[in-house]
Amino acid sequence: MCQEIITNVIRHAAARHLWIELARTNGGIAIRAKDDGRGAKEVRPGHGLTGMRERLEQVRGTLQIETQPAKGFRLEAWMPVSGGLA
């Protein structure tokens, strides 16, 4: 997941910075990422974002994406963790 986020920023965002945060939350793992790149008027998922969403849905996870022109992208992915995480 993080690798796909990094790849998308390098290929498409023209960003100077990318921040990624991983956190244990609500019985799962959250990945929050934001960049300071060019952003867009609307989210138009390509193969990378579509693949992320499909993989998350397979494990009952979620993906939220926000963007605005000249304001970069914000992404939050969440996936459940079953047992064994202390």
PDB file of N, CA and C in Angstrom:
ATOM      1  N   MET A   1       0.832  -1.189   0.000  1.00  0.00           N
ATOM      2  CA  MET A   1       0.000   0.000   0.000  1.00  0.00           C
ATOM      3  C   MET A   1       0.874   1.249   0.000  1.00  0.00           C
ATOM      4  N   CYS A   2       1.822   1.333   0.914  1.00  0.00           N
ATOM      5  CA  CYS A   2       2.702   2.503   0.973  1.00  0.00           C
ATOM      6  C   CYS A   2       3.530   2.639  -0.301  1.00  0.00           C
ATOM      7  N   GLN A   3       3.965   1.527  -0.845  1.00  0.00           N
ATOM      8  CA  GLN A   3       4.748   1.564  -2.080  1.00  0.00           C
ATOM      9  C   GLN A   3       3.924   2.163  -3.221  1.00  0.00           C
ATOM     10  N   GLU A   4       2.664   1.788  -3.314  1.00  0.00           N
ATOM     11  CA  GLU A   4       1.794   2.324  -4.363  1.00  0.00           C
ATOM     12  C   GLU A   4       1.574   3.819  -4.165  1.00  0.00           C
ATOM     13  N   ILE A   5       1.420   4.253  -2.931  1.00  0.00           N
ATOM     14  CA  ILE A   5       1.260   5.677  -2.638  1.00  0.00           C
ATOM     15  C   ILE A   5       2.501   6.439  -3.095  1.00  0.00           C
ATOM     16  N   ILE A   6       3.666   5.954  -2.735  1.00  0.00           N
ATOM     17  CA  ILE A   6       4.920   6.614  -3.111  1.00  0.00           C
ATOM     18  C   ILE A   6       5.063   6.658  -4.627  1.00  0.00           C
ATOM     19  N   THR A   7       4.781   5.547  -5.287  1.00  0.00           N
ATOM     20  CA  THR A   7       4.875   5.490  -6.749  1.00  0.00           C
ATOM     21  C   THR A   7       3.950   6.507  -7.397  1.00  0.00           C
ATOM     22  N   ASN A   8       2.709   6.606  -6.925  1.00  0.00           N
ATOM     23  CA  ASN A   8       1.760   7.562  -7.492  1.00  0.00           C
ATOM     24  C   ASN A   8       2.242   8.999  -7.326  1.00  0.00           C
ATOM     25  N   VAL A   9       2.789   9.316  -6.170  1.00  0.00           N
ATOM     26  CA  VAL A   9       3.279  10.675  -5.940  1.00  0.00           C
ATOM     27  C   VAL A   9       4.447  10.982  -6.878  1.00  0.00           C
ATOM     28  N   ILE A  10       5.372  10.055  -7.007  1.00  0.00           N
ATOM     29  CA  ILE A  10       6.522  10.275  -7.891  1.00  0.00           C
ATOM     30  C   ILE A  10       6.064  10.439  -9.343  1.00  0.00           C
ATOM     31  N   ARG A  11       5.146   9.616  -9.793  1.00  0.00           N
ATOM     32  CA  ARG A  11       4.718   9.629 -11.200  1.00  0.00           C
ATOM     33  C   ARG A  11       3.779  10.782 -11.557  1.00  0.00           C
ATOM     34  N   HIS A  12       2.914  11.174 -10.624  1.00  0.00           N
ATOM     35  CA  HIS A  12       1.813  12.047 -11.012  1.00  0.00           C
ATOM     36  C   HIS A  12       1.710  13.380 -10.269  1.00  0.00           C
ATOM     37  N   ALA A  13       2.220  13.492  -9.072  1.00  0.00           N
ATOM     38  CA  ALA A  13       1.870  14.627  -8.221  1.00  0.00           C
ATOM     39  C   ALA A  13       2.710  15.880  -8.419  1.00  0.00           C
ATOM     40  N   ALA A  14       3.934  15.739  -8.899  1.00  0.00           N
ATOM     41  CA  ALA A  14       4.867  16.877  -8.941  1.00  0.00           C
ATOM     42  C   ALA A  14       4.987  17.501  -7.549  1.00  0.00           C
ATOM     43  N   ALA A  15       5.013  16.656  -6.536  1.00  0.00           N
ATOM     44  CA  ALA A  15       5.075  17.115  -5.142  1.00  0.00           C
ATOM     45  C   ALA A  15       6.516  17.279  -4.683  1.00  0.00           C
ATOM     46  N   ARG A  16       6.702  18.173  -3.740  1.00  0.00           N
ATOM     47  CA  ARG A  16       8.011  18.307  -3.092  1.00  0.00           C
ATOM     48  C   ARG A  16       8.071  17.456  -1.841  1.00  0.00           C
ATOM     49  N   HIS A  17       6.911  17.220  -1.206  1.00  0.00           N
ATOM     50  CA  HIS A  17       6.876  16.481   0.051  1.00  0.00           C
ATOM     51  C   HIS A  17       5.732  15.470   0.043  1.00  0.00           C
ATOM     52  N   LEU A  18       5.955  14.390   0.752  1.00  0.00           N
ATOM     53  CA  LEU A  18       4.941  13.361   0.989  1.00  0.00           C
ATOM     54  C   LEU A  18       5.042  12.963   2.448  1.00  0.00           C
ATOM     55  N   TRP A  19       3.922  13.005   3.141  1.00  0.00           N
ATOM     56  CA  TRP A  19       3.876  12.595   4.538  1.00  0.00           C
ATOM     57  C   TRP A  19       3.031  11.335   4.625  1.00  0.00           C
ATOM     58  N   ILE A  20       3.539  10.316   5.305  1.00  0.00           N
ATOM     59  CA  ILE A  20       2.807   9.062   5.499  1.00  0.00           C
ATOM     60  C   ILE A  20       2.788   8.751   6.986  1.00  0.00           C
ATOM     61  N   GLU A  21       1.617   8.429   7.490  1.00  0.00           N
ATOM     62  CA  GLU A  21       1.448   8.073   8.901  1.00  0.00           C
ATOM     63  C   GLU A  21       0.743   6.728   8.971  1.00  0.00           C
ATOM     64  N   LEU A  22       1.267   5.841   9.785  1.00  0.00           N
ATOM     65  CA  LEU A  22       0.619   4.566  10.050  1.00  0.00           C
ATOM     66  C   LEU A  22       0.199   4.565  11.511  1.00  0.00           C
ATOM     67  N   ALA A  23      -1.012   4.131  11.771  1.00  0.00           N
ATOM     68  CA  ALA A  23      -1.511   4.124  13.142  1.00  0.00           C
ATOM     69  C   ALA A  23      -2.439   2.936  13.357  1.00  0.00           C
ATOM     70  N   ARG A  24      -2.398   2.406  14.554  1.00  0.00           N
ATOM     71  CA  ARG A  24      -3.340   1.365  14.952  1.00  0.00           C
ATOM     72  C   ARG A  24      -4.589   2.076  15.459  1.00  0.00           C
ATOM     73  N   THR A  25      -5.744   1.739  14.888  1.00  0.00           N
ATOM     74  CA  THR A  25      -6.957   2.453  15.253  1.00  0.00           C
ATOM     75  C   THR A  25      -8.194   1.611  14.957  1.00  0.00           C
ATOM     76  N   ASN A  26      -9.172   1.672  15.822  1.00  0.00           N
ATOM     77  CA  ASN A  26     -10.476   1.026  15.604  1.00  0.00           C
ATOM     78  C   ASN A  26     -10.369  -0.421  15.150  1.00  0.00           C
ATOM     79  N   GLY A  27      -9.500  -1.194  15.773  1.00  0.00           N
ATOM     80  CA  GLY A  27      -9.366  -2.611  15.435  1.00  0.00           C
ATOM     81  C   GLY A  27      -8.653  -2.871  14.126  1.00  0.00           C
ATOM     82  N   GLY A  28      -7.897  -1.888  13.659  1.00  0.00           N
ATOM     83  CA  GLY A  28      -7.198  -2.070  12.392  1.00  0.00           C
ATOM     84  C   GLY A  28      -5.979  -1.169  12.283  1.00  0.00           C
ATOM     85  N   ILE A  29      -5.496  -1.052  11.072  1.00  0.00           N
ATOM     86  CA  ILE A  29      -4.348  -0.210  10.762  1.00  0.00           C
ATOM     87  C   ILE A  29      -4.816   0.873   9.794  1.00  0.00           C
ATOM     88  N   ALA A  30      -4.489   2.120  10.099  1.00  0.00           N
ATOM     89  CA  ALA A  30      -4.795   3.239   9.215  1.00  0.00           C
ATOM     90  C   ALA A  30      -3.499   3.730   8.585  1.00  0.00           C
ATOM     91  N   ILE A  31      -3.563   4.001   7.309  1.00  0.00           N
ATOM     92  CA  ILE A  31      -2.460   4.626   6.586  1.00  0.00           C
ATOM     93  C   ILE A  31      -2.994   5.959   6.081  1.00  0.00           C
ATOM     94  N   ARG A  32      -2.371   7.031   6.540  1.00  0.00           N
ATOM     95  CA  ARG A  32      -2.764   8.369   6.090  1.00  0.00           C
ATOM     96  C   ARG A  32      -1.595   8.963   5.324  1.00  0.00           C
ATOM     97  N   ALA A  33      -1.878   9.494   4.161  1.00  0.00           N
ATOM     98  CA  ALA A  33      -0.824  10.088   3.342  1.00  0.00           C
ATOM     99  C   ALA A  33      -1.328  11.402   2.768  1.00  0.00           C
ATOM    100  N   LYS A  34      -0.439  12.360   2.658  1.00  0.00           N
ATOM    101  CA  LYS A  34      -0.772  13.605   1.979  1.00  0.00           C
ATOM    102  C   LYS A  34       0.484  14.124   1.303  1.00  0.00           C
ATOM    103  N   ASP A  35       0.258  14.814   0.187  1.00  0.00           N
ATOM    104  CA  ASP A  35       1.379  15.405  -0.524  1.00  0.00           C
ATOM    105  C   ASP A  35       1.066  16.876  -0.810  1.00  0.00           C
ATOM    106  N   ASP A  36       2.079  17.601  -1.219  1.00  0.00           N
ATOM    107  CA  ASP A  36       1.908  19.014  -1.552  1.00  0.00           C
ATOM    108  C   ASP A  36       2.012  19.235  -3.061  1.00  0.00           C
ATOM    109  N   GLY A  37       1.532  18.275  -3.796  1.00  0.00           N
ATOM    110  CA  GLY A  37       1.619  18.321  -5.248  1.00  0.00           C
ATOM    111  C   GLY A  37       0.508  19.103  -5.909  1.00  0.00           C
ATOM    112  N   ARG A  38       0.356  18.878  -7.212  1.00  0.00           N
ATOM    113  CA  ARG A  38      -0.552  19.679  -8.022  1.00  0.00           C
ATOM    114  C   ARG A  38      -2.026  19.423  -7.740  1.00  0.00           C
ATOM    115  N   GLY A  39      -2.383  18.280  -7.197  1.00  0.00           N
ATOM    116  CA  GLY A  39      -3.792  17.981  -6.939  1.00  0.00           C
ATOM    117  C   GLY A  39      -4.595  17.895  -8.230  1.00  0.00           C
ATOM    118  N   ALA A  40      -5.917  17.903  -8.110  1.00  0.00           N
ATOM    119  CA  ALA A  40      -6.797  17.798  -9.277  1.00  0.00           C
ATOM    120  C   ALA A  40      -8.180  18.313  -8.908  1.00  0.00           C
ATOM    121  N   LYS A  41      -8.985  18.611  -9.926  1.00  0.00           N
ATOM    122  CA  LYS A  41     -10.369  19.036  -9.687  1.00  0.00           C
ATOM    123  C   LYS A  41     -11.202  17.910  -9.108  1.00  0.00           C
ATOM    124  N   GLU A  42     -10.912  16.689  -9.559  1.00  0.00           N
ATOM    125  CA  GLU A  42     -11.660  15.518  -9.100  1.00  0.00           C
ATOM    126  C   GLU A  42     -10.737  14.308  -9.080  1.00  0.00           C
ATOM    127  N   VAL A  43     -11.131  13.317  -8.322  1.00  0.00           N
ATOM    128  CA  VAL A  43     -10.371  12.070  -8.262  1.00  0.00           C
ATOM    129  C   VAL A  43     -10.782  11.224  -9.453  1.00  0.00           C
ATOM    130  N   ARG A  44      -9.784  10.842 -10.255  1.00  0.00           N
ATOM    131  CA  ARG A  44     -10.018   9.931 -11.376  1.00  0.00           C
ATOM    132  C   ARG A  44      -9.088   8.742 -11.178  1.00  0.00           C
ATOM    133  N   PRO A  45      -9.594   7.713 -10.499  1.00  0.00           N
ATOM    134  CA  PRO A  45      -8.732   6.573 -10.173  1.00  0.00           C
ATOM    135  C   PRO A  45      -8.185   5.876 -11.408  1.00  0.00           C
ATOM    136  N   GLY A  46      -6.882   5.674 -11.411  1.00  0.00           N
ATOM    137  CA  GLY A  46      -6.236   4.872 -12.435  1.00  0.00           C
ATOM    138  C   GLY A  46      -6.022   3.469 -11.879  1.00  0.00           C
ATOM    139  N   HIS A  47      -5.114   2.752 -12.484  1.00  0.00           N
ATOM    140  CA  HIS A  47      -4.869   1.369 -12.062  1.00  0.00           C
ATOM    141  C   HIS A  47      -4.366   1.285 -10.625  1.00  0.00           C
ATOM    142  N   GLY A  48      -3.516   2.224 -10.206  1.00  0.00           N
ATOM    143  CA  GLY A  48      -2.956   2.181  -8.853  1.00  0.00           C
ATOM    144  C   GLY A  48      -4.008   2.367  -7.775  1.00  0.00           C
ATOM    145  N   LEU A  49      -4.799   3.439  -7.879  1.00  0.00           N
ATOM    146  CA  LEU A  49      -5.830   3.700  -6.873  1.00  0.00           C
ATOM    147  C   LEU A  49      -6.938   2.649  -6.929  1.00  0.00           C
ATOM    148  N   THR A  50      -7.289   2.222  -8.133  1.00  0.00           N
ATOM    149  CA  THR A  50      -8.321   1.186  -8.273  1.00  0.00           C
ATOM    150  C   THR A  50      -7.841  -0.111  -7.630  1.00  0.00           C
ATOM    151  N   GLY A  51      -6.593  -0.468  -7.875  1.00  0.00           N
ATOM    152  CA  GLY A  51      -6.040  -1.685  -7.276  1.00  0.00           C
ATOM    153  C   GLY A  51      -5.993  -1.604  -5.759  1.00  0.00           C
ATOM    154  N   MET A  52      -5.614  -0.440  -5.226  1.00  0.00           N
ATOM    155  CA  MET A  52      -5.600  -0.269  -3.766  1.00  0.00           C
ATOM    156  C   MET A  52      -7.003  -0.470  -3.199  1.00  0.00           C
ATOM    157  N   ARG A  53      -7.982   0.183  -3.820  1.00  0.00           N
ATOM    158  CA  ARG A  53      -9.357   0.071  -3.321  1.00  0.00           C
ATOM    159  C   ARG A  53      -9.833  -1.382  -3.366  1.00  0.00           C
ATOM    160  N   GLU A  54      -9.566  -2.077  -4.462  1.00  0.00           N
ATOM    161  CA  GLU A  54      -9.996  -3.478  -4.591  1.00  0.00           C
ATOM    162  C   GLU A  54      -9.341  -4.369  -3.540  1.00  0.00           C
ATOM    163  N   ARG A  55      -8.036  -4.177  -3.309  1.00  0.00           N
ATOM    164  CA  ARG A  55      -7.352  -4.996  -2.299  1.00  0.00           C
ATOM    165  C   ARG A  55      -7.903  -4.720  -0.903  1.00  0.00           C
ATOM    166  N   LEU A  56      -8.189  -3.468  -0.608  1.00  0.00           N
ATOM    167  CA  LEU A  56      -8.747  -3.130   0.702  1.00  0.00           C
ATOM    168  C   LEU A  56     -10.149  -3.708   0.866  1.00  0.00           C
ATOM    169  N   GLU A  57     -10.966  -3.604  -0.167  1.00  0.00           N
ATOM    170  CA  GLU A  57     -12.322  -4.153  -0.085  1.00  0.00           C
ATOM    171  C   GLU A  57     -12.318  -5.661   0.132  1.00  0.00           C
ATOM    172  N   GLN A  58     -11.320  -6.366  -0.393  1.00  0.00           N
ATOM    173  CA  GLN A  58     -11.223  -7.813  -0.203  1.00  0.00           C
ATOM    174  C   GLN A  58     -11.065  -8.177   1.269  1.00  0.00           C
ATOM    175  N   VAL A  59     -10.482  -7.286   2.067  1.00  0.00           N
ATOM    176  CA  VAL A  59     -10.273  -7.562   3.499  1.00  0.00           C
ATOM    177  C   VAL A  59     -11.187  -6.697   4.367  1.00  0.00           C
ATOM    178  N   ARG A  60     -12.266  -6.147   3.749  1.00  0.00           N
ATOM    179  CA  ARG A  60     -13.240  -5.289   4.434  1.00  0.00           C
ATOM    180  C   ARG A  60     -12.618  -3.973   4.902  1.00  0.00           C
ATOM    181  N   GLY A  61     -11.663  -3.464   4.166  1.00  0.00           N
ATOM    182  CA  GLY A  61     -11.050  -2.175   4.455  1.00  0.00           C
ATOM    183  C   GLY A  61     -11.726  -1.062   3.677  1.00  0.00           C
ATOM    184  N   THR A  62     -11.220   0.147   3.857  1.00  0.00           N
ATOM    185  CA  THR A  62     -11.786   1.316   3.189  1.00  0.00           C
ATOM    186  C   THR A  62     -10.670   2.193   2.629  1.00  0.00           C
ATOM    187  N   LEU A  63     -11.038   3.005   1.657  1.00  0.00           N
ATOM    188  CA  LEU A  63     -10.110   3.964   1.072  1.00  0.00           C
ATOM    189  C   LEU A  63     -10.858   5.258   0.819  1.00  0.00           C
ATOM    190  N   GLN A  64     -10.318   6.353   1.330  1.00  0.00           N
ATOM    191  CA  GLN A  64     -10.884   7.684   1.102  1.00  0.00           C
ATOM    192  C   GLN A  64      -9.809   8.543   0.471  1.00  0.00           C
ATOM    193  N   ILE A  65     -10.200   9.303  -0.547  1.00  0.00           N
ATOM    194  CA  ILE A  65      -9.251  10.146  -1.266  1.00  0.00           C
ATOM    195  C   ILE A  65      -9.858  11.537  -1.397  1.00  0.00           C
ATOM    196  N   GLU A  66      -9.053  12.552  -1.116  1.00  0.00           N
ATOM    197  CA  GLU A  66      -9.477  13.944  -1.290  1.00  0.00           C
ATOM    198  C   GLU A  66      -8.406  14.674  -2.095  1.00  0.00           C
ATOM    199  N   THR A  67      -8.846  15.609  -2.938  1.00  0.00           N
ATOM    200  CA  THR A  67      -7.905  16.425  -3.694  1.00  0.00           C
ATOM    201  C   THR A  67      -8.543  17.736  -4.084  1.00  0.00           C
ATOM    202  N   GLN A  68      -7.701  18.731  -4.307  1.00  0.00           N
ATOM    203  CA  GLN A  68      -8.095  20.021  -4.845  1.00  0.00           C
ATOM    204  C   GLN A  68      -6.933  20.529  -5.693  1.00  0.00           C
ATOM    205  N   PRO A  69      -7.235  21.272  -6.748  1.00  0.00           N
ATOM    206  CA  PRO A  69      -6.142  21.805  -7.560  1.00  0.00           C
ATOM    207  C   PRO A  69      -5.158  22.618  -6.702  1.00  0.00           C
ATOM    208  N   ALA A  70      -3.891  22.382  -6.921  1.00  0.00           N
ATOM    209  CA  ALA A  70      -2.785  23.074  -6.231  1.00  0.00           C
ATOM    210  C   ALA A  70      -2.742  22.807  -4.730  1.00  0.00           C
ATOM    211  N   LYS A  71      -3.504  21.828  -4.243  1.00  0.00           N
ATOM    212  CA  LYS A  71      -3.521  21.510  -2.814  1.00  0.00           C
ATOM    213  C   LYS A  71      -3.134  20.068  -2.543  1.00  0.00           C
ATOM    214  N   GLY A  72      -2.685  19.338  -3.556  1.00  0.00           N
ATOM    215  CA  GLY A  72      -2.222  17.974  -3.359  1.00  0.00           C
ATOM    216  C   GLY A  72      -3.339  16.975  -3.163  1.00  0.00           C
ATOM    217  N   PHE A  73      -2.932  15.791  -2.742  1.00  0.00           N
ATOM    218  CA  PHE A  73      -3.851  14.686  -2.470  1.00  0.00           C
ATOM    219  C   PHE A  73      -3.755  14.301  -1.006  1.00  0.00           C
ATOM    220  N   ARG A  74      -4.873  13.861  -0.450  1.00  0.00           N
ATOM    221  CA  ARG A  74      -4.926  13.259   0.876  1.00  0.00           C
ATOM    222  C   ARG A  74      -5.591  11.902   0.706  1.00  0.00           C
ATOM    223  N   LEU A  75      -5.027  10.909   1.328  1.00  0.00           N
ATOM    224  CA  LEU A  75      -5.536   9.549   1.203  1.00  0.00           C
ATOM    225  C   LEU A  75      -5.555   8.924   2.593  1.00  0.00           C
ATOM    226  N   GLU A  76      -6.634   8.221   2.888  1.00  0.00           N
ATOM    227  CA  GLU A  76      -6.678   7.436   4.118  1.00  0.00           C
ATOM    228  C   GLU A  76      -7.170   6.042   3.787  1.00  0.00           C
ATOM    229  N   ALA A  77      -6.343   5.069   4.093  1.00  0.00           N
ATOM    230  CA  ALA A  77      -6.690   3.665   3.917  1.00  0.00           C
ATOM    231  C   ALA A  77      -6.805   3.043   5.299  1.00  0.00           C
ATOM    232  N   TRP A  78      -7.752   2.152   5.450  1.00  0.00           N
ATOM    233  CA  TRP A  78      -7.912   1.445   6.724  1.00  0.00           C
ATOM    234  C   TRP A  78      -8.165  -0.018   6.420  1.00  0.00           C
ATOM    235  N   MET A  79      -7.515  -0.889   7.189  1.00  0.00           N
ATOM    236  CA  MET A  79      -7.755  -2.320   7.045  1.00  0.00           C
ATOM    237  C   MET A  79      -7.846  -2.941   8.425  1.00  0.00           C
ATOM    238  N   PRO A  80      -8.773  -3.869   8.612  1.00  0.00           N
ATOM    239  CA  PRO A  80      -8.914  -4.511   9.918  1.00  0.00           C
ATOM    240  C   PRO A  80      -7.761  -5.443  10.205  1.00  0.00           C
ATOM    241  N   VAL A  81      -7.498  -5.617  11.481  1.00  0.00           N
ATOM    242  CA  VAL A  81      -6.493  -6.571  11.929  1.00  0.00           C
ATOM    243  C   VAL A  81      -7.194  -7.553  12.852  1.00  0.00           C
ATOM    244  N   SER A  82      -7.068  -8.820  12.531  1.00  0.00           N
ATOM    245  CA  SER A  82      -7.738  -9.824  13.365  1.00  0.00           C
ATOM    246  C   SER A  82      -6.736 -10.479  14.300  1.00  0.00           C
ATOM    247  N   GLY A  83      -6.971 -10.341  15.581  1.00  0.00           N
ATOM    248  CA  GLY A  83      -6.184 -10.996  16.623  1.00  0.00           C
ATOM    249  C   GLY A  83      -4.670 -10.823  16.535  1.00  0.00           C
ATOM    250  N   GLY A  84      -4.005 -11.041  17.613  1.00  0.00           N
ATOM    251  CA  GLY A  84      -2.560 -11.108  17.657  1.00  0.00           C
ATOM    252  C   GLY A  84      -1.831  -9.785  17.615  1.00  0.00           C
ATOM    253  N   LEU A  85      -2.512  -8.663  17.447  1.00  0.00           N
ATOM    254  CA  LEU A  85      -1.821  -7.372  17.436  1.00  0.00           C
ATOM    255  C   LEU A  85      -1.869  -6.785  18.825  1.00  0.00           C
ATOM    256  N   ALA A  86      -0.701  -6.661  19.437  1.00  0.00           N
ATOM    257  CA  ALA A  86      -0.658  -6.143  20.806  1.00  0.00           C
ATOM    258  C   ALA A  86      -0.301  -4.683  20.822  1.00  0.00           C
TER     259      ALA A  86
END
